[in-house]
Amino acid sequence: MARLTADFWVRAYLARLQAEGIPAYVAARGDAHAGAVIVKLATLDGRAQAFVRRWDLETGARRWEVLTEGPEAEVDAALVRQRRTDPDLWIVEVEDRAGRHLLDEPGLSD
């Protein structure tokens, strides 16, 4: 099975968020083909979560997990450290008071 490029996945994700009326933008652009993607969810109350996709070694599936969460400034600092160690990393920022990110929706969750 062919893998989607990071650039294609990010563009499709942004379109899906836009269709739901959820504001989002690319905060950091990584390698167009193979860069990993972190999704930061800012709930506009000073708090945030960052999600990363990881392999489940037991099932072989890929799933979204919380990388870090807490005050938005601390999450931002953690993402700066991540980018320092992986310049190919994409960061997509989603802003939604209700905490919607759609990563648990079909097509994005698997």
PDB file of N, CA and C in Angstrom:
ATOM      1  N   MET A   1       0.839  -1.174   0.000  1.00  0.00           N
ATOM      2  CA  MET A   1       0.000   0.000   0.000  1.00  0.00           C
ATOM      3  C   MET A   1       0.888   1.244   0.000  1.00  0.00           C
ATOM      4  N   ALA A   2       0.617   2.154  -0.891  1.00  0.00           N
ATOM      5  CA  ALA A   2       1.399   3.382  -0.984  1.00  0.00           C
ATOM      6  C   ALA A   2       1.037   4.317   0.159  1.00  0.00           C
ATOM      7  N   ARG A   3       2.053   4.973   0.699  1.00  0.00           N
ATOM      8  CA  ARG A   3       1.824   5.942   1.768  1.00  0.00           C
ATOM      9  C   ARG A   3       1.595   7.322   1.181  1.00  0.00           C
ATOM     10  N   LEU A   4       0.763   8.087   1.838  1.00  0.00           N
ATOM     11  CA  LEU A   4       0.549   9.474   1.434  1.00  0.00           C
ATOM     12  C   LEU A   4       1.767  10.302   1.838  1.00  0.00           C
ATOM     13  N   THR A   5       2.086  11.299   1.018  1.00  0.00           N
ATOM     14  CA  THR A   5       3.157  12.202   1.425  1.00  0.00           C
ATOM     15  C   THR A   5       2.649  13.073   2.565  1.00  0.00           C
ATOM     16  N   ALA A   6       3.573  13.591   3.343  1.00  0.00           N
ATOM     17  CA  ALA A   6       3.198  14.465   4.462  1.00  0.00           C
ATOM     18  C   ALA A   6       2.459  15.691   3.947  1.00  0.00           C
ATOM     19  N   ASP A   7       2.944  16.278   2.877  1.00  0.00           N
ATOM     20  CA  ASP A   7       2.315  17.470   2.312  1.00  0.00           C
ATOM     21  C   ASP A   7       0.868  17.184   1.905  1.00  0.00           C
ATOM     22  N   PHE A   8       0.632  16.076   1.238  1.00  0.00           N
ATOM     23  CA  PHE A   8      -0.715  15.708   0.804  1.00  0.00           C
ATOM     24  C   PHE A   8      -1.626  15.500   2.013  1.00  0.00           C
ATOM     25  N   TRP A   9      -1.127  14.761   3.016  1.00  0.00           N
ATOM     26  CA  TRP A   9      -1.931  14.497   4.209  1.00  0.00           C
ATOM     27  C   TRP A   9      -2.308  15.799   4.908  1.00  0.00           C
ATOM     28  N   VAL A  10      -1.345  16.708   5.072  1.00  0.00           N
ATOM     29  CA  VAL A  10      -1.614  17.979   5.747  1.00  0.00           C
ATOM     30  C   VAL A  10      -2.652  18.784   4.978  1.00  0.00           C
ATOM     31  N   ARG A  11      -2.518  18.853   3.647  1.00  0.00           N
ATOM     32  CA  ARG A  11      -3.495  19.610   2.851  1.00  0.00           C
ATOM     33  C   ARG A  11      -4.892  19.004   2.975  1.00  0.00           C
ATOM     34  N   ALA A  12      -4.985  17.694   2.956  1.00  0.00           N
ATOM     35  CA  ALA A  12      -6.282  17.025   3.093  1.00  0.00           C
ATOM     36  C   ALA A  12      -6.861  17.249   4.494  1.00  0.00           C
ATOM     37  N   TYR A  13      -6.020  17.193   5.505  1.00  0.00           N
ATOM     38  CA  TYR A  13      -6.464  17.420   6.880  1.00  0.00           C
ATOM     39  C   TYR A  13      -6.991  18.848   7.045  1.00  0.00           C
ATOM     40  N   LEU A  14      -6.266  19.818   6.526  1.00  0.00           N
ATOM     41  CA  LEU A  14      -6.714  21.209   6.611  1.00  0.00           C
ATOM     42  C   LEU A  14      -8.053  21.403   5.897  1.00  0.00           C
ATOM     43  N   ALA A  15      -8.231  20.756   4.750  1.00  0.00           N
ATOM     44  CA  ALA A  15      -9.502  20.861   4.027  1.00  0.00           C
ATOM     45  C   ALA A  15     -10.637  20.250   4.834  1.00  0.00           C
ATOM     46  N   ARG A  16     -10.376  19.142   5.484  1.00  0.00           N
ATOM     47  CA  ARG A  16     -11.404  18.493   6.298  1.00  0.00           C
ATOM     48  C   ARG A  16     -11.795  19.364   7.491  1.00  0.00           C
ATOM     49  N   LEU A  17     -10.792  19.975   8.129  1.00  0.00           N
ATOM     50  CA  LEU A  17     -11.071  20.887   9.235  1.00  0.00           C
ATOM     51  C   LEU A  17     -11.875  22.090   8.748  1.00  0.00           C
ATOM     52  N   GLN A  18     -11.484  22.633   7.614  1.00  0.00           N
ATOM     53  CA  GLN A  18     -12.182  23.799   7.062  1.00  0.00           C
ATOM     54  C   GLN A  18     -13.642  23.452   6.781  1.00  0.00           C
ATOM     55  N   ALA A  19     -13.895  22.258   6.262  1.00  0.00           N
ATOM     56  CA  ALA A  19     -15.268  21.838   5.964  1.00  0.00           C
ATOM     57  C   ALA A  19     -16.124  21.787   7.227  1.00  0.00           C
ATOM     58  N   GLU A  20     -15.497  21.571   8.373  1.00  0.00           N
ATOM     59  CA  GLU A  20     -16.209  21.524   9.651  1.00  0.00           C
ATOM     60  C   GLU A  20     -16.214  22.879  10.352  1.00  0.00           C
ATOM     61  N   GLY A  21     -15.598  23.885   9.722  1.00  0.00           N
ATOM     62  CA  GLY A  21     -15.554  25.219  10.314  1.00  0.00           C
ATOM     63  C   GLY A  21     -14.566  25.341  11.462  1.00  0.00           C
ATOM     64  N   ILE A  22     -13.539  24.505  11.453  1.00  0.00           N
ATOM     65  CA  ILE A  22     -12.529  24.520  12.513  1.00  0.00           C
ATOM     66  C   ILE A  22     -11.282  25.218  11.982  1.00  0.00           C
ATOM     67  N   PRO A  23     -10.882  26.345  12.566  1.00  0.00           N
ATOM     68  CA  PRO A  23      -9.691  27.057  12.101  1.00  0.00           C
ATOM     69  C   PRO A  23      -8.414  26.250  12.343  1.00  0.00           C
ATOM     70  N   ALA A  24      -7.544  26.245  11.343  1.00  0.00           N
ATOM     71  CA  ALA A  24      -6.272  25.545  11.462  1.00  0.00           C
ATOM     72  C   ALA A  24      -5.299  26.123  10.449  1.00  0.00           C
ATOM     73  N   TYR A  25      -4.007  25.971  10.743  1.00  0.00           N
ATOM     74  CA  TYR A  25      -2.976  26.442   9.831  1.00  0.00           C
ATOM     75  C   TYR A  25      -1.695  25.653  10.060  1.00  0.00           C
ATOM     76  N   VAL A  26      -0.788  25.743   9.101  1.00  0.00           N
ATOM     77  CA  VAL A  26       0.513  25.095   9.223  1.00  0.00           C
ATOM     78  C   VAL A  26       1.430  26.048   9.973  1.00  0.00           C
ATOM     79  N   ALA A  27       1.846  25.644  11.171  1.00  0.00           N
ATOM     80  CA  ALA A  27       2.741  26.460  11.989  1.00  0.00           C
ATOM     81  C   ALA A  27       4.199  26.212  11.630  1.00  0.00           C
ATOM     82  N   ALA A  28       4.507  25.012  11.136  1.00  0.00           N
ATOM     83  CA  ALA A  28       5.861  24.676  10.707  1.00  0.00           C
ATOM     84  C   ALA A  28       5.767  23.668   9.576  1.00  0.00           C
ATOM     85  N   ARG A  29       6.434  23.955   8.493  1.00  0.00           N
ATOM     86  CA  ARG A  29       6.418  23.097   7.311  1.00  0.00           C
ATOM     87  C   ARG A  29       7.668  22.215   7.335  1.00  0.00           C
ATOM     88  N   GLY A  30       7.450  20.918   7.218  1.00  0.00           N
ATOM     89  CA  GLY A  30       8.556  19.972   7.237  1.00  0.00           C
ATOM     90  C   GLY A  30       8.825  19.415   5.857  1.00  0.00           C
ATOM     91  N   ASP A  31       9.453  18.261   5.823  1.00  0.00           N
ATOM     92  CA  ASP A  31       9.766  17.594   4.566  1.00  0.00           C
ATOM     93  C   ASP A  31       8.463  17.217   3.868  1.00  0.00           C
ATOM     94  N   ALA A  32       8.321  17.598   2.614  1.00  0.00           N
ATOM     95  CA  ALA A  32       7.071  17.395   1.880  1.00  0.00           C
ATOM     96  C   ALA A  32       6.724  15.924   1.702  1.00  0.00           C
ATOM     97  N   HIS A  33       7.724  15.060   1.684  1.00  0.00           N
ATOM     98  CA  HIS A  33       7.463  13.657   1.387  1.00  0.00           C
ATOM     99  C   HIS A  33       7.382  12.776   2.636  1.00  0.00           C
ATOM    100  N   ALA A  34       8.330  12.944   3.547  1.00  0.00           N
ATOM    101  CA  ALA A  34       8.414  11.987   4.639  1.00  0.00           C
ATOM    102  C   ALA A  34       8.417  12.611   6.026  1.00  0.00           C
ATOM    103  N   GLY A  35       8.130  13.875   6.142  1.00  0.00           N
ATOM    104  CA  GLY A  35       8.137  14.505   7.458  1.00  0.00           C
ATOM    105  C   GLY A  35       7.022  13.979   8.340  1.00  0.00           C
ATOM    106  N   ALA A  36       7.324  13.838   9.623  1.00  0.00           N
ATOM    107  CA  ALA A  36       6.297  13.468  10.593  1.00  0.00           C
ATOM    108  C   ALA A  36       5.402  14.682  10.834  1.00  0.00           C
ATOM    109  N   VAL A  37       4.198  14.433  11.352  1.00  0.00           N
ATOM    110  CA  VAL A  37       3.233  15.508  11.591  1.00  0.00           C
ATOM    111  C   VAL A  37       2.828  15.499  13.059  1.00  0.00           C
ATOM    112  N   ILE A  38       2.874  16.670  13.672  1.00  0.00           N
ATOM    113  CA  ILE A  38       2.325  16.874  15.008  1.00  0.00           C
ATOM    114  C   ILE A  38       1.156  17.823  14.856  1.00  0.00           C
ATOM    115  N   VAL A  39       0.048  17.500  15.509  1.00  0.00           N
ATOM    116  CA  VAL A  39      -1.128  18.358  15.499  1.00  0.00           C
ATOM    117  C   VAL A  39      -1.246  18.977  16.891  1.00  0.00           C
ATOM    118  N   LYS A  40      -1.201  20.302  16.939  1.00  0.00           N
ATOM    119  CA  LYS A  40      -1.390  21.027  18.199  1.00  0.00           C
ATOM    120  C   LYS A  40      -2.830  21.530  18.230  1.00  0.00           C
ATOM    121  N   LEU A  41      -3.518  21.230  19.313  1.00  0.00           N
ATOM    122  CA  LEU A  41      -4.880  21.707  19.516  1.00  0.00           C
ATOM    123  C   LEU A  41      -4.855  22.772  20.604  1.00  0.00           C
ATOM    124  N   ALA A  42      -5.170  23.992  20.231  1.00  0.00           N
ATOM    125  CA  ALA A  42      -5.280  25.088  21.188  1.00  0.00           C
ATOM    126  C   ALA A  42      -6.765  25.333  21.445  1.00  0.00           C
ATOM    127  N   THR A  43      -7.168  25.257  22.711  1.00  0.00           N
ATOM    128  CA  THR A  43      -8.576  25.427  23.048  1.00  0.00           C
ATOM    129  C   THR A  43      -8.913  26.874  23.404  1.00  0.00           C
ATOM    130  N   LEU A  44      -7.983  27.768  23.178  1.00  0.00           N
ATOM    131  CA  LEU A  44      -8.188  29.216  23.318  1.00  0.00           C
ATOM    132  C   LEU A  44      -8.520  29.646  24.741  1.00  0.00           C
ATOM    133  N   ASP A  45      -8.142  28.820  25.706  1.00  0.00           N
ATOM    134  CA  ASP A  45      -8.295  29.165  27.115  1.00  0.00           C
ATOM    135  C   ASP A  45      -6.953  29.102  27.841  1.00  0.00           C
ATOM    136  N   GLY A  46      -5.862  29.145  27.044  1.00  0.00           N
ATOM    137  CA  GLY A  46      -4.524  29.070  27.609  1.00  0.00           C
ATOM    138  C   GLY A  46      -3.977  27.664  27.711  1.00  0.00           C
ATOM    139  N   ARG A  47      -4.739  26.681  27.261  1.00  0.00           N
ATOM    140  CA  ARG A  47      -4.311  25.283  27.322  1.00  0.00           C
ATOM    141  C   ARG A  47      -4.195  24.707  25.919  1.00  0.00           C
ATOM    142  N   ALA A  48      -3.406  23.653  25.814  1.00  0.00           N
ATOM    143  CA  ALA A  48      -3.207  23.020  24.505  1.00  0.00           C
ATOM    144  C   ALA A  48      -2.794  21.563  24.694  1.00  0.00           C
ATOM    145  N   GLN A  49      -2.933  20.827  23.623  1.00  0.00           N
ATOM    146  CA  GLN A  49      -2.463  19.444  23.533  1.00  0.00           C
ATOM    147  C   GLN A  49      -1.723  19.307  22.211  1.00  0.00           C
ATOM    148  N   ALA A  50      -0.752  18.421  22.184  1.00  0.00           N
ATOM    149  CA  ALA A  50      -0.067  18.096  20.934  1.00  0.00           C
ATOM    150  C   ALA A  50      -0.180  16.595  20.722  1.00  0.00           C
ATOM    151  N   PHE A  51      -0.578  16.224  19.501  1.00  0.00           N
ATOM    152  CA  PHE A  51      -0.779  14.820  19.148  1.00  0.00           C
ATOM    153  C   PHE A  51       0.256  14.392  18.118  1.00  0.00           C
ATOM    154  N   VAL A  52       0.734  13.172  18.264  1.00  0.00           N
ATOM    155  CA  VAL A  52       1.678  12.596  17.304  1.00  0.00           C
ATOM    156  C   VAL A  52       1.177  11.200  16.954  1.00  0.00           C
ATOM    157  N   ARG A  53       1.472  10.793  15.747  1.00  0.00           N
ATOM    158  CA  ARG A  53       1.032   9.467  15.278  1.00  0.00           C
ATOM    159  C   ARG A  53       2.142   8.463  15.561  1.00  0.00           C
ATOM    160  N   ARG A  54       1.773   7.398  16.246  1.00  0.00           N
ATOM    161  CA  ARG A  54       2.757   6.378  16.616  1.00  0.00           C
ATOM    162  C   ARG A  54       2.256   5.002  16.223  1.00  0.00           C
ATOM    163  N   TRP A  55       3.215   4.107  16.051  1.00  0.00           N
ATOM    164  CA  TRP A  55       2.886   2.709  15.759  1.00  0.00           C
ATOM    165  C   TRP A  55       2.506   2.006  17.045  1.00  0.00           C
ATOM    166  N   ASP A  56       1.445   1.221  16.994  1.00  0.00           N
ATOM    167  CA  ASP A  56       1.086   0.326  18.085  1.00  0.00           C
ATOM    168  C   ASP A  56       1.787  -0.992  17.775  1.00  0.00           C
ATOM    169  N   LEU A  57       2.824  -1.311  18.534  1.00  0.00           N
ATOM    170  CA  LEU A  57       3.640  -2.481  18.232  1.00  0.00           C
ATOM    171  C   LEU A  57       2.871  -3.794  18.390  1.00  0.00           C
ATOM    172  N   GLU A  58       1.845  -3.794  19.212  1.00  0.00           N
ATOM    173  CA  GLU A  58       1.063  -5.016  19.407  1.00  0.00           C
ATOM    174  C   GLU A  58       0.172  -5.323  18.214  1.00  0.00           C
ATOM    175  N   THR A  59      -0.434  -4.288  17.634  1.00  0.00           N
ATOM    176  CA  THR A  59      -1.390  -4.505  16.538  1.00  0.00           C
ATOM    177  C   THR A  59      -0.818  -4.146  15.168  1.00  0.00           C
ATOM    178  N   GLY A  60       0.265  -3.373  15.143  1.00  0.00           N
ATOM    179  CA  GLY A  60       0.820  -2.924  13.872  1.00  0.00           C
ATOM    180  C   GLY A  60       0.093  -1.718  13.296  1.00  0.00           C
ATOM    181  N   ALA A  61      -0.899  -1.232  14.019  1.00  0.00           N
ATOM    182  CA  ALA A  61      -1.676  -0.076  13.556  1.00  0.00           C
ATOM    183  C   ALA A  61      -0.982   1.225  13.963  1.00  0.00           C
ATOM    184  N   ARG A  62      -1.334   2.275  13.262  1.00  0.00           N
ATOM    185  CA  ARG A  62      -0.855   3.604  13.640  1.00  0.00           C
ATOM    186  C   ARG A  62      -2.010   4.331  14.309  1.00  0.00           C
ATOM    187  N   ARG A  63      -1.714   5.056  15.386  1.00  0.00           N
ATOM    188  CA  ARG A  63      -2.763   5.796  16.071  1.00  0.00           C
ATOM    189  C   ARG A  63      -2.205   7.103  16.619  1.00  0.00           C
ATOM    190  N   TRP A  64      -3.105   8.042  16.836  1.00  0.00           N
ATOM    191  CA  TRP A  64      -2.754   9.350  17.375  1.00  0.00           C
ATOM    192  C   TRP A  64      -2.699   9.264  18.894  1.00  0.00           C
ATOM    193  N   GLU A  65      -1.613   9.761  19.482  1.00  0.00           N
ATOM    194  CA  GLU A  65      -1.440   9.786  20.919  1.00  0.00           C
ATOM    195  C   GLU A  65      -1.067  11.193  21.357  1.00  0.00           C
ATOM    196  N   VAL A  66      -1.380  11.515  22.602  1.00  0.00           N
ATOM    197  CA  VAL A  66      -0.990  12.810  23.152  1.00  0.00           C
ATOM    198  C   VAL A  66       0.515  12.789  23.408  1.00  0.00           C
ATOM    199  N   LEU A  67       1.204  13.733  22.794  1.00  0.00           N
ATOM    200  CA  LEU A  67       2.644  13.892  23.004  1.00  0.00           C
ATOM    201  C   LEU A  67       2.890  14.720  24.257  1.00  0.00           C
ATOM    202  N   THR A  68       2.144  15.818  24.390  1.00  0.00           N
ATOM    203  CA  THR A  68       2.244  16.701  25.546  1.00  0.00           C
ATOM    204  C   THR A  68       0.959  17.496  25.666  1.00  0.00           C
ATOM    205  N   GLU A  69       0.659  17.945  26.864  1.00  0.00           N
ATOM    206  CA  GLU A  69      -0.513  18.777  27.090  1.00  0.00           C
ATOM    207  C   GLU A  69      -0.276  19.639  28.320  1.00  0.00           C
ATOM    208  N   GLY A  70      -1.010  20.743  28.394  1.00  0.00           N
ATOM    209  CA  GLY A  70      -0.869  21.636  29.534  1.00  0.00           C
ATOM    210  C   GLY A  70      -1.027  23.076  29.095  1.00  0.00           C
ATOM    211  N   PRO A  71      -0.411  23.990  29.840  1.00  0.00           N
ATOM    212  CA  PRO A  71      -0.458  25.395  29.425  1.00  0.00           C
ATOM    213  C   PRO A  71       0.110  25.548  28.010  1.00  0.00           C
ATOM    214  N   GLU A  72      -0.533  26.383  27.219  1.00  0.00           N
ATOM    215  CA  GLU A  72      -0.130  26.501  25.812  1.00  0.00           C
ATOM    216  C   GLU A  72       1.334  26.881  25.653  1.00  0.00           C
ATOM    217  N   ALA A  73       1.851  27.753  26.509  1.00  0.00           N
ATOM    218  CA  ALA A  73       3.255  28.152  26.409  1.00  0.00           C
ATOM    219  C   ALA A  73       4.193  26.955  26.602  1.00  0.00           C
ATOM    220  N   GLU A  74       3.836  26.033  27.494  1.00  0.00           N
ATOM    221  CA  GLU A  74       4.659  24.839  27.713  1.00  0.00           C
ATOM    222  C   GLU A  74       4.580  23.892  26.521  1.00  0.00           C
ATOM    223  N   VAL A  75       3.407  23.753  25.950  1.00  0.00           N
ATOM    224  CA  VAL A  75       3.251  22.910  24.758  1.00  0.00           C
ATOM    225  C   VAL A  75       4.061  23.501  23.608  1.00  0.00           C
ATOM    226  N   ASP A  76       3.987  24.826  23.431  1.00  0.00           N
ATOM    227  CA  ASP A  76       4.772  25.480  22.384  1.00  0.00           C
ATOM    228  C   ASP A  76       6.264  25.247  22.583  1.00  0.00           C
ATOM    229  N   ALA A  77       6.733  25.335  23.823  1.00  0.00           N
ATOM    230  CA  ALA A  77       8.158  25.107  24.109  1.00  0.00           C
ATOM    231  C   ALA A  77       8.554  23.671  23.769  1.00  0.00           C
ATOM    232  N   ALA A  78       7.682  22.719  24.069  1.00  0.00           N
ATOM    233  CA  ALA A  78       7.973  21.320  23.734  1.00  0.00           C
ATOM    234  C   ALA A  78       8.049  21.135  22.223  1.00  0.00           C
ATOM    235  N   LEU A  79       7.193  21.825  21.480  1.00  0.00           N
ATOM    236  CA  LEU A  79       7.210  21.705  20.020  1.00  0.00           C
ATOM    237  C   LEU A  79       8.453  22.352  19.428  1.00  0.00           C
ATOM    238  N   VAL A  80       8.925  23.437  20.022  1.00  0.00           N
ATOM    239  CA  VAL A  80      10.182  24.048  19.575  1.00  0.00           C
ATOM    240  C   VAL A  80      11.327  23.048  19.761  1.00  0.00           C
ATOM    241  N   ARG A  81      11.352  22.353  20.886  1.00  0.00           N
ATOM    242  CA  ARG A  81      12.392  21.337  21.120  1.00  0.00           C
ATOM    243  C   ARG A  81      12.283  20.206  20.102  1.00  0.00           C
ATOM    244  N   GLN A  82      11.058  19.778  19.800  1.00  0.00           N
ATOM    245  CA  GLN A  82      10.858  18.723  18.803  1.00  0.00           C
ATOM    246  C   GLN A  82      11.400  19.143  17.443  1.00  0.00           C
ATOM    247  N   ARG A  83      11.100  20.376  17.036  1.00  0.00           N
ATOM    248  CA  ARG A  83      11.571  20.885  15.734  1.00  0.00           C
ATOM    249  C   ARG A  83      13.094  20.994  15.706  1.00  0.00           C
ATOM    250  N   ARG A  84      13.683  21.301  16.842  1.00  0.00           N
ATOM    251  CA  ARG A  84      15.141  21.407  16.912  1.00  0.00           C
ATOM    252  C   ARG A  84      15.798  20.054  16.629  1.00  0.00           C
ATOM    253  N   THR A  85      15.162  18.969  17.110  1.00  0.00           N
ATOM    254  CA  THR A  85      15.729  17.638  16.890  1.00  0.00           C
ATOM    255  C   THR A  85      15.280  17.017  15.566  1.00  0.00           C
ATOM    256  N   ASP A  86      14.172  17.525  15.003  1.00  0.00           N
ATOM    257  CA  ASP A  86      13.658  16.985  13.738  1.00  0.00           C
ATOM    258  C   ASP A  86      13.176  18.128  12.839  1.00  0.00           C
ATOM    259  N   PRO A  87      14.072  18.710  12.042  1.00  0.00           N
ATOM    260  CA  PRO A  87      13.671  19.831  11.188  1.00  0.00           C
ATOM    261  C   PRO A  87      12.708  19.438  10.069  1.00  0.00           C
ATOM    262  N   ASP A  88      12.509  18.139   9.833  1.00  0.00           N
ATOM    263  CA  ASP A  88      11.568  17.675   8.812  1.00  0.00           C
ATOM    264  C   ASP A  88      10.131  17.622   9.334  1.00  0.00           C
ATOM    265  N   LEU A  89       9.939  17.942  10.593  1.00  0.00           N
ATOM    266  CA  LEU A  89       8.655  17.849  11.272  1.00  0.00           C
ATOM    267  C   LEU A  89       7.679  18.930  10.835  1.00  0.00           C
ATOM    268  N   TRP A  90       6.436  18.524  10.600  1.00  0.00           N
ATOM    269  CA  TRP A  90       5.332  19.443  10.325  1.00  0.00           C
ATOM    270  C   TRP A  90       4.593  19.689  11.634  1.00  0.00           C
ATOM    271  N   ILE A  91       4.136  20.917  11.840  1.00  0.00           N
ATOM    272  CA  ILE A  91       3.263  21.218  12.972  1.00  0.00           C
ATOM    273  C   ILE A  91       2.033  21.921  12.426  1.00  0.00           C
ATOM    274  N   VAL A  92       0.883  21.295  12.663  1.00  0.00           N
ATOM    275  CA  VAL A  92      -0.402  21.867  12.264  1.00  0.00           C
ATOM    276  C   VAL A  92      -1.079  22.346  13.533  1.00  0.00           C
ATOM    277  N   GLU A  93      -1.483  23.613  13.563  1.00  0.00           N
ATOM    278  CA  GLU A  93      -2.167  24.148  14.739  1.00  0.00           C
ATOM    279  C   GLU A  93      -3.659  24.271  14.453  1.00  0.00           C
ATOM    280  N   VAL A  94      -4.435  23.671  15.345  1.00  0.00           N
ATOM    281  CA  VAL A  94      -5.889  23.696  15.274  1.00  0.00           C
ATOM    282  C   VAL A  94      -6.366  24.542  16.454  1.00  0.00           C
ATOM    283  N   GLU A  95      -7.303  25.444  16.188  1.00  0.00           N
ATOM    284  CA  GLU A  95      -7.844  26.292  17.253  1.00  0.00           C
ATOM    285  C   GLU A  95      -9.338  26.052  17.368  1.00  0.00           C
ATOM    286  N   ASP A  96      -9.750  25.467  18.499  1.00  0.00           N
ATOM    287  CA  ASP A  96     -11.162  25.167  18.674  1.00  0.00           C
ATOM    288  C   ASP A  96     -11.498  25.113  20.161  1.00  0.00           C
ATOM    289  N   ARG A  97     -12.394  25.980  20.580  1.00  0.00           N
ATOM    290  CA  ARG A  97     -12.801  26.035  21.991  1.00  0.00           C
ATOM    291  C   ARG A  97     -13.412  24.722  22.473  1.00  0.00           C
ATOM    292  N   ALA A  98     -14.086  24.020  21.585  1.00  0.00           N
ATOM    293  CA  ALA A  98     -14.734  22.757  21.944  1.00  0.00           C
ATOM    294  C   ALA A  98     -13.757  21.580  21.958  1.00  0.00           C
ATOM    295  N   GLY A  99     -12.515  21.799  21.538  1.00  0.00           N
ATOM    296  CA  GLY A  99     -11.515  20.734  21.553  1.00  0.00           C
ATOM    297  C   GLY A  99     -11.598  19.762  20.396  1.00  0.00           C
ATOM    298  N   ARG A 100     -12.246  20.180  19.303  1.00  0.00           N
ATOM    299  CA  ARG A 100     -12.365  19.289  18.133  1.00  0.00           C
ATOM    300  C   ARG A 100     -11.057  19.318  17.330  1.00  0.00           C
ATOM    301  N   HIS A 101     -10.608  18.153  16.944  1.00  0.00           N
ATOM    302  CA  HIS A 101      -9.417  18.032  16.094  1.00  0.00           C
ATOM    303  C   HIS A 101      -9.631  17.038  14.961  1.00  0.00           C
ATOM    304  N   LEU A 102     -10.659  16.236  15.044  1.00  0.00           N
ATOM    305  CA  LEU A 102     -11.061  15.244  14.036  1.00  0.00           C
ATOM    306  C   LEU A 102     -10.100  14.077  13.884  1.00  0.00           C
ATOM    307  N   LEU A 103      -9.056  13.982  14.695  1.00  0.00           N
ATOM    308  CA  LEU A 103      -8.088  12.900  14.551  1.00  0.00           C
ATOM    309  C   LEU A 103      -8.685  11.533  14.893  1.00  0.00           C
ATOM    310  N   ASP A 104      -9.840  11.533  15.544  1.00  0.00           N
ATOM    311  CA  ASP A 104     -10.511  10.278  15.871  1.00  0.00           C
ATOM    312  C   ASP A 104     -11.576   9.896  14.838  1.00  0.00           C
ATOM    313  N   GLU A 105     -11.662  10.673  13.766  1.00  0.00           N
ATOM    314  CA  GLU A 105     -12.639  10.431  12.691  1.00  0.00           C
ATOM    315  C   GLU A 105     -12.102   9.386  11.704  1.00  0.00           C
ATOM    316  N   PRO A 106     -13.009   8.645  11.044  1.00  0.00           N
ATOM    317  CA  PRO A 106     -12.582   7.680  10.024  1.00  0.00           C
ATOM    318  C   PRO A 106     -11.728   8.365   8.946  1.00  0.00           C
ATOM    319  N   GLY A 107     -10.679   7.693   8.553  1.00  0.00           N
ATOM    320  CA  GLY A 107      -9.769   8.239   7.551  1.00  0.00           C
ATOM    321  C   GLY A 107      -8.617   9.001   8.164  1.00  0.00           C
ATOM    322  N   LEU A 108      -8.789   9.485   9.377  1.00  0.00           N
ATOM    323  CA  LEU A 108      -7.713  10.179  10.076  1.00  0.00           C
ATOM    324  C   LEU A 108      -7.212   9.369  11.264  1.00  0.00           C
ATOM    325  N   SER A 109      -8.076   8.538  11.808  1.00  0.00           N
ATOM    326  CA  SER A 109      -7.721   7.788  13.012  1.00  0.00           C
ATOM    327  C   SER A 109      -6.904   6.536  12.715  1.00  0.00           C
ATOM    328  N   ASP A 110      -6.962   6.052  11.489  1.00  0.00           N
ATOM    329  CA  ASP A 110      -6.241   4.806  11.179  1.00  0.00           C
ATOM    330  C   ASP A 110      -5.068   5.039  10.284  1.00  0.00           C
TER     331      ASP A 110
END
